[in-house]
Amino acid sequence: MIQIEWLELRPKDAGVLTTLPEVLQLPPQSSVGQALLTIGLDPVRIQNLLEQRAVAVYGMYATENTILHDGDRLEILDGLKFDPMDSRRRRAQHKVLTKRQKELARYERRSRKQGKTPL
């Protein structure tokens, strides 16, 4: 038998570990899928977690067939609220827009200075 620890981060935890990991005994060469079934999750939820990449072993995303070893920590992560790539694109677009706005403001200030005539 191998002994692993498992924990689940829920949305209310805000990404912070609030409970200690629970210990789980499994036969040698057990997979992540078998461990999730042993924990008591239903197959539909397991499939959803794996599709959302919400299962990890020591912070590294795991597949259903990932083999667990003695002392591993299985992590069930809370689902993503948004796609990280979409967020990156929005930040990049905002940066470009902000840069253009600054350049336009600088151009307008120069134009106003050049347009003024001394009395």
N, C-alpha and C. Protein backbone atom coordinates (compact mmCIF):
# COMPACT_ATOMS: atom_id res chain seq x y z
N MET A 1 0.84 -1.19 0.00
CA MET A 1 0.00 0.00 0.00
C MET A 1 0.89 1.25 0.00
N ILE A 2 0.42 2.26 -0.72
CA ILE A 2 1.10 3.55 -0.68
C ILE A 2 0.20 4.54 0.05
N GLN A 3 0.81 5.53 0.62
CA GLN A 3 0.06 6.53 1.36
C GLN A 3 0.27 7.88 0.67
N ILE A 4 -0.83 8.52 0.31
CA ILE A 4 -0.75 9.86 -0.29
C ILE A 4 -1.58 10.82 0.56
N GLU A 5 -1.38 12.09 0.33
CA GLU A 5 -2.22 13.11 0.95
C GLU A 5 -3.05 13.75 -0.15
N TRP A 6 -4.26 14.16 0.18
CA TRP A 6 -5.07 14.86 -0.80
C TRP A 6 -5.76 16.04 -0.12
N LEU A 7 -6.00 17.06 -0.92
CA LEU A 7 -6.71 18.23 -0.41
C LEU A 7 -7.52 18.83 -1.55
N GLU A 8 -8.53 19.60 -1.16
CA GLU A 8 -9.37 20.26 -2.15
C GLU A 8 -9.47 21.73 -1.82
N LEU A 9 -9.13 22.57 -2.78
CA LEU A 9 -9.28 24.01 -2.63
C LEU A 9 -10.62 24.41 -3.22
N ARG A 10 -11.44 25.04 -2.43
CA ARG A 10 -12.76 25.47 -2.89
C ARG A 10 -12.74 26.97 -3.17
N PRO A 11 -13.70 27.47 -3.96
CA PRO A 11 -13.72 28.91 -4.26
C PRO A 11 -13.75 29.78 -3.00
N LYS A 12 -14.43 29.33 -1.94
CA LYS A 12 -14.50 30.14 -0.72
C LYS A 12 -13.15 30.24 -0.03
N ASP A 13 -12.20 29.35 -0.36
CA ASP A 13 -10.87 29.39 0.26
C ASP A 13 -9.99 30.48 -0.34
N ALA A 14 -10.39 31.04 -1.47
CA ALA A 14 -9.65 32.12 -2.15
C ALA A 14 -8.21 31.74 -2.44
N GLY A 15 -7.98 30.46 -2.78
CA GLY A 15 -6.64 30.03 -3.16
C GLY A 15 -5.70 29.81 -1.98
N VAL A 16 -6.22 29.87 -0.76
CA VAL A 16 -5.39 29.70 0.43
C VAL A 16 -5.75 28.37 1.08
N LEU A 17 -4.73 27.61 1.45
CA LEU A 17 -4.94 26.33 2.11
C LEU A 17 -5.49 26.56 3.51
N THR A 18 -6.72 26.14 3.76
CA THR A 18 -7.36 26.40 5.05
C THR A 18 -7.50 25.14 5.89
N THR A 19 -7.32 23.97 5.29
CA THR A 19 -7.41 22.72 6.04
C THR A 19 -6.18 21.87 5.74
N LEU A 20 -5.88 20.99 6.65
CA LEU A 20 -4.75 20.09 6.44
C LEU A 20 -5.13 19.01 5.42
N PRO A 21 -4.15 18.53 4.65
CA PRO A 21 -4.44 17.45 3.70
C PRO A 21 -4.88 16.18 4.43
N GLU A 22 -5.74 15.42 3.80
CA GLU A 22 -6.20 14.15 4.36
C GLU A 22 -5.33 13.02 3.80
N VAL A 23 -5.17 11.96 4.59
CA VAL A 23 -4.34 10.83 4.19
C VAL A 23 -5.22 9.78 3.51
N LEU A 24 -4.68 9.16 2.47
CA LEU A 24 -5.41 8.16 1.71
C LEU A 24 -4.48 6.99 1.43
N GLN A 25 -4.94 5.77 1.71
CA GLN A 25 -4.18 4.56 1.42
C GLN A 25 -4.64 3.98 0.09
N LEU A 26 -3.70 3.69 -0.79
CA LEU A 26 -4.01 3.15 -2.11
C LEU A 26 -3.09 1.99 -2.43
N PRO A 27 -3.53 1.10 -3.33
CA PRO A 27 -2.62 0.04 -3.78
C PRO A 27 -1.47 0.64 -4.60
N PRO A 28 -0.32 -0.03 -4.64
CA PRO A 28 0.80 0.47 -5.46
C PRO A 28 0.37 0.62 -6.92
N GLN A 29 1.00 1.56 -7.62
CA GLN A 29 0.74 1.85 -9.04
C GLN A 29 -0.68 2.36 -9.29
N SER A 30 -1.29 2.99 -8.28
CA SER A 30 -2.62 3.59 -8.47
C SER A 30 -2.50 4.87 -9.28
N SER A 31 -3.54 5.14 -10.05
CA SER A 31 -3.55 6.35 -10.88
C SER A 31 -4.36 7.45 -10.19
N VAL A 32 -4.27 8.65 -10.74
CA VAL A 32 -5.03 9.78 -10.22
C VAL A 32 -6.53 9.48 -10.31
N GLY A 33 -6.96 8.90 -11.43
CA GLY A 33 -8.37 8.56 -11.60
C GLY A 33 -8.86 7.60 -10.52
N GLN A 34 -8.05 6.58 -10.20
CA GLN A 34 -8.43 5.64 -9.15
C GLN A 34 -8.48 6.33 -7.79
N ALA A 35 -7.54 7.22 -7.54
CA ALA A 35 -7.53 7.93 -6.26
C ALA A 35 -8.77 8.81 -6.11
N LEU A 36 -9.15 9.49 -7.19
CA LEU A 36 -10.33 10.34 -7.12
C LEU A 36 -11.60 9.52 -6.87
N LEU A 37 -11.66 8.32 -7.46
CA LEU A 37 -12.81 7.44 -7.19
C LEU A 37 -12.80 6.98 -5.74
N THR A 38 -11.61 6.67 -5.22
CA THR A 38 -11.48 6.21 -3.83
C THR A 38 -11.88 7.32 -2.86
N ILE A 39 -11.58 8.56 -3.20
CA ILE A 39 -11.96 9.70 -2.36
C ILE A 39 -13.48 9.79 -2.26
N GLY A 40 -14.17 9.37 -3.31
CA GLY A 40 -15.62 9.38 -3.29
C GLY A 40 -16.25 10.33 -4.29
N LEU A 41 -15.47 10.82 -5.22
CA LEU A 41 -16.03 11.70 -6.24
C LEU A 41 -16.73 10.87 -7.31
N ASP A 42 -17.81 11.43 -7.85
CA ASP A 42 -18.52 10.69 -8.90
C ASP A 42 -17.77 10.85 -10.24
N PRO A 43 -17.89 9.88 -11.13
CA PRO A 43 -17.15 9.89 -12.40
C PRO A 43 -17.38 11.15 -13.25
N VAL A 44 -18.58 11.70 -13.22
CA VAL A 44 -18.86 12.91 -14.01
C VAL A 44 -18.02 14.08 -13.48
N ARG A 45 -17.98 14.24 -12.16
CA ARG A 45 -17.18 15.33 -11.57
C ARG A 45 -15.70 15.11 -11.85
N ILE A 46 -15.25 13.86 -11.78
CA ILE A 46 -13.84 13.55 -12.06
C ILE A 46 -13.50 13.98 -13.49
N GLN A 47 -14.36 13.64 -14.43
CA GLN A 47 -14.12 14.00 -15.83
C GLN A 47 -14.08 15.52 -16.01
N ASN A 48 -15.00 16.22 -15.34
CA ASN A 48 -15.01 17.69 -15.42
C ASN A 48 -13.73 18.28 -14.84
N LEU A 49 -13.28 17.77 -13.70
CA LEU A 49 -12.05 18.27 -13.09
C LEU A 49 -10.85 18.06 -14.02
N LEU A 50 -10.79 16.88 -14.63
CA LEU A 50 -9.66 16.58 -15.51
C LEU A 50 -9.70 17.44 -16.78
N GLU A 51 -10.89 17.69 -17.30
CA GLU A 51 -11.02 18.55 -18.49
C GLU A 51 -10.63 19.99 -18.19
N GLN A 52 -10.93 20.45 -16.97
CA GLN A 52 -10.61 21.82 -16.57
C GLN A 52 -9.17 21.94 -16.07
N ARG A 53 -8.43 20.85 -16.10
CA ARG A 53 -7.06 20.82 -15.56
C ARG A 53 -7.06 21.29 -14.11
N ALA A 54 -7.99 20.78 -13.33
CA ALA A 54 -8.14 21.18 -11.94
C ALA A 54 -7.64 20.12 -10.98
N VAL A 55 -6.78 19.21 -11.47
CA VAL A 55 -6.20 18.18 -10.62
C VAL A 55 -4.69 18.25 -10.79
N ALA A 56 -3.97 18.25 -9.66
CA ALA A 56 -2.52 18.36 -9.73
C ALA A 56 -1.88 17.44 -8.70
N VAL A 57 -0.63 17.09 -8.95
CA VAL A 57 0.19 16.37 -7.98
C VAL A 57 1.36 17.29 -7.69
N TYR A 58 1.43 17.78 -6.46
CA TYR A 58 2.45 18.75 -6.05
C TYR A 58 2.52 19.94 -7.00
N GLY A 59 1.36 20.45 -7.41
CA GLY A 59 1.32 21.65 -8.23
C GLY A 59 1.49 21.44 -9.73
N MET A 60 1.77 20.23 -10.16
CA MET A 60 1.92 19.92 -11.58
C MET A 60 0.62 19.26 -12.05
N TYR A 61 0.03 19.81 -13.12
CA TYR A 61 -1.23 19.25 -13.62
C TYR A 61 -1.09 17.76 -13.88
N ALA A 62 -2.14 17.02 -13.52
CA ALA A 62 -2.12 15.57 -13.65
C ALA A 62 -3.26 15.12 -14.57
N THR A 63 -3.02 14.01 -15.24
CA THR A 63 -4.06 13.39 -16.06
C THR A 63 -4.66 12.23 -15.28
N GLU A 64 -5.68 11.65 -15.86
CA GLU A 64 -6.35 10.52 -15.19
C GLU A 64 -5.39 9.35 -15.00
N ASN A 65 -4.43 9.19 -15.92
CA ASN A 65 -3.53 8.04 -15.88
C ASN A 65 -2.21 8.30 -15.17
N THR A 66 -2.04 9.47 -14.58
CA THR A 66 -0.81 9.78 -13.85
C THR A 66 -0.69 8.82 -12.66
N ILE A 67 0.45 8.14 -12.58
CA ILE A 67 0.69 7.17 -11.50
C ILE A 67 1.13 7.92 -10.25
N LEU A 68 0.53 7.56 -9.12
CA LEU A 68 0.88 8.16 -7.85
C LEU A 68 1.94 7.32 -7.13
N HIS A 69 2.77 8.00 -6.37
CA HIS A 69 3.83 7.34 -5.60
C HIS A 69 3.63 7.64 -4.12
N ASP A 70 4.26 6.83 -3.30
CA ASP A 70 4.16 6.99 -1.85
C ASP A 70 4.60 8.40 -1.46
N GLY A 71 3.77 9.10 -0.70
CA GLY A 71 4.09 10.44 -0.23
C GLY A 71 3.62 11.56 -1.14
N ASP A 72 3.03 11.26 -2.29
CA ASP A 72 2.53 12.31 -3.19
C ASP A 72 1.38 13.07 -2.54
N ARG A 73 1.18 14.30 -3.00
CA ARG A 73 0.04 15.10 -2.55
C ARG A 73 -0.83 15.39 -3.76
N LEU A 74 -2.05 14.89 -3.73
CA LEU A 74 -3.03 15.09 -4.79
C LEU A 74 -3.84 16.33 -4.45
N GLU A 75 -3.90 17.27 -5.39
CA GLU A 75 -4.58 18.54 -5.16
C GLU A 75 -5.76 18.68 -6.11
N ILE A 76 -6.92 18.93 -5.56
CA ILE A 76 -8.12 19.21 -6.35
C ILE A 76 -8.31 20.71 -6.26
N LEU A 77 -8.11 21.39 -7.38
CA LEU A 77 -8.10 22.85 -7.41
C LEU A 77 -9.47 23.40 -7.72
N ASP A 78 -9.73 24.62 -7.29
CA ASP A 78 -11.01 25.24 -7.65
C ASP A 78 -10.95 25.65 -9.12
N GLY A 79 -12.09 25.68 -9.76
CA GLY A 79 -12.14 25.98 -11.18
C GLY A 79 -11.73 27.41 -11.49
N LEU A 80 -11.26 27.61 -12.70
CA LEU A 80 -10.87 28.95 -13.14
C LEU A 80 -12.11 29.80 -13.37
N LYS A 81 -12.03 31.05 -12.97
CA LYS A 81 -13.14 31.98 -13.17
C LYS A 81 -13.10 32.57 -14.59
N PHE A 82 -11.90 32.56 -15.19
CA PHE A 82 -11.72 33.13 -16.52
C PHE A 82 -10.52 32.45 -17.16
N ASP A 83 -10.43 32.58 -18.46
CA ASP A 83 -9.34 31.98 -19.21
C ASP A 83 -8.08 32.85 -19.07
N PRO A 84 -6.96 32.30 -18.60
CA PRO A 84 -5.75 33.11 -18.43
C PRO A 84 -5.26 33.75 -19.72
N MET A 85 -5.44 33.10 -20.85
CA MET A 85 -5.00 33.68 -22.13
C MET A 85 -5.84 34.91 -22.48
N ASP A 86 -7.14 34.86 -22.19
CA ASP A 86 -7.98 36.04 -22.44
C ASP A 86 -7.54 37.21 -21.57
N SER A 87 -7.20 36.93 -20.33
CA SER A 87 -6.73 37.99 -19.43
C SER A 87 -5.43 38.59 -19.94
N ARG A 88 -4.54 37.75 -20.40
CA ARG A 88 -3.26 38.24 -20.94
C ARG A 88 -3.50 39.14 -22.15
N ARG A 89 -4.41 38.72 -23.03
CA ARG A 89 -4.72 39.54 -24.21
C ARG A 89 -5.31 40.89 -23.81
N ARG A 90 -6.23 40.88 -22.82
CA ARG A 90 -6.84 42.14 -22.37
C ARG A 90 -5.78 43.07 -21.78
N ARG A 91 -4.87 42.54 -20.98
CA ARG A 91 -3.81 43.37 -20.39
C ARG A 91 -2.91 43.95 -21.47
N ALA A 92 -2.56 43.13 -22.46
CA ALA A 92 -1.70 43.61 -23.55
C ALA A 92 -2.41 44.70 -24.34
N GLN A 93 -3.67 44.51 -24.63
CA GLN A 93 -4.44 45.51 -25.37
C GLN A 93 -4.54 46.81 -24.58
N HIS A 94 -4.78 46.70 -23.28
CA HIS A 94 -4.86 47.88 -22.42
C HIS A 94 -3.53 48.64 -22.41
N LYS A 95 -2.44 47.89 -22.37
CA LYS A 95 -1.12 48.51 -22.36
C LYS A 95 -0.90 49.29 -23.66
N VAL A 96 -1.28 48.72 -24.79
CA VAL A 96 -1.13 49.39 -26.07
C VAL A 96 -1.99 50.65 -26.11
N LEU A 97 -3.25 50.54 -25.66
CA LEU A 97 -4.13 51.70 -25.67
C LEU A 97 -3.59 52.81 -24.76
N THR A 98 -3.11 52.42 -23.60
CA THR A 98 -2.56 53.41 -22.66
C THR A 98 -1.36 54.11 -23.27
N LYS A 99 -0.51 53.37 -23.93
CA LYS A 99 0.68 53.95 -24.57
C LYS A 99 0.26 54.94 -25.65
N ARG A 100 -0.74 54.58 -26.45
CA ARG A 100 -1.22 55.48 -27.50
C ARG A 100 -1.82 56.75 -26.91
N GLN A 101 -2.56 56.59 -25.80
CA GLN A 101 -3.16 57.76 -25.16
C GLN A 101 -2.08 58.71 -24.65
N LYS A 102 -1.02 58.17 -24.07
CA LYS A 102 0.08 59.01 -23.59
C LYS A 102 0.77 59.74 -24.74
N GLU A 103 0.99 59.02 -25.84
CA GLU A 103 1.62 59.65 -27.00
C GLU A 103 0.74 60.77 -27.56
N LEU A 104 -0.56 60.54 -27.62
CA LEU A 104 -1.48 61.56 -28.11
C LEU A 104 -1.48 62.78 -27.20
N ALA A 105 -1.50 62.57 -25.90
CA ALA A 105 -1.48 63.69 -24.95
C ALA A 105 -0.18 64.48 -25.08
N ARG A 106 0.94 63.80 -25.26
CA ARG A 106 2.23 64.47 -25.43
C ARG A 106 2.22 65.31 -26.71
N TYR A 107 1.67 64.76 -27.78
CA TYR A 107 1.58 65.47 -29.05
C TYR A 107 0.71 66.72 -28.91
N GLU A 108 -0.42 66.59 -28.21
CA GLU A 108 -1.32 67.73 -28.02
C GLU A 108 -0.65 68.83 -27.20
N ARG A 109 0.12 68.45 -26.16
CA ARG A 109 0.83 69.45 -25.35
C ARG A 109 1.84 70.21 -26.20
N ARG A 110 2.58 69.47 -27.05
CA ARG A 110 3.56 70.12 -27.93
C ARG A 110 2.87 71.06 -28.90
N SER A 111 1.74 70.62 -29.44
CA SER A 111 1.00 71.45 -30.39
C SER A 111 0.52 72.73 -29.73
N ARG A 112 0.04 72.62 -28.50
CA ARG A 112 -0.44 73.81 -27.80
C ARG A 112 0.72 74.76 -27.50
N LYS A 113 1.87 74.23 -27.11
CA LYS A 113 3.03 75.08 -26.81
C LYS A 113 3.49 75.81 -28.08
N GLN A 114 3.51 75.11 -29.18
CA GLN A 114 3.96 75.73 -30.44
C GLN A 114 2.95 76.75 -30.96
N GLY A 115 1.69 76.56 -30.63
CA GLY A 115 0.63 77.45 -31.09
C GLY A 115 0.59 78.75 -30.31
N LYS A 116 1.17 78.77 -29.12
CA LYS A 116 1.14 79.99 -28.30
C LYS A 116 2.20 80.97 -28.83
N THR A 117 1.81 82.20 -28.83
CA THR A 117 2.75 83.26 -29.25
C THR A 117 2.98 84.18 -28.06
N PRO A 118 4.23 84.64 -27.90
CA PRO A 118 4.50 85.54 -26.77
C PRO A 118 3.84 86.89 -26.98
N LEU A 119 3.41 87.48 -25.92
CA LEU A 119 2.74 88.79 -26.00
C LEU A 119 3.71 89.89 -26.14
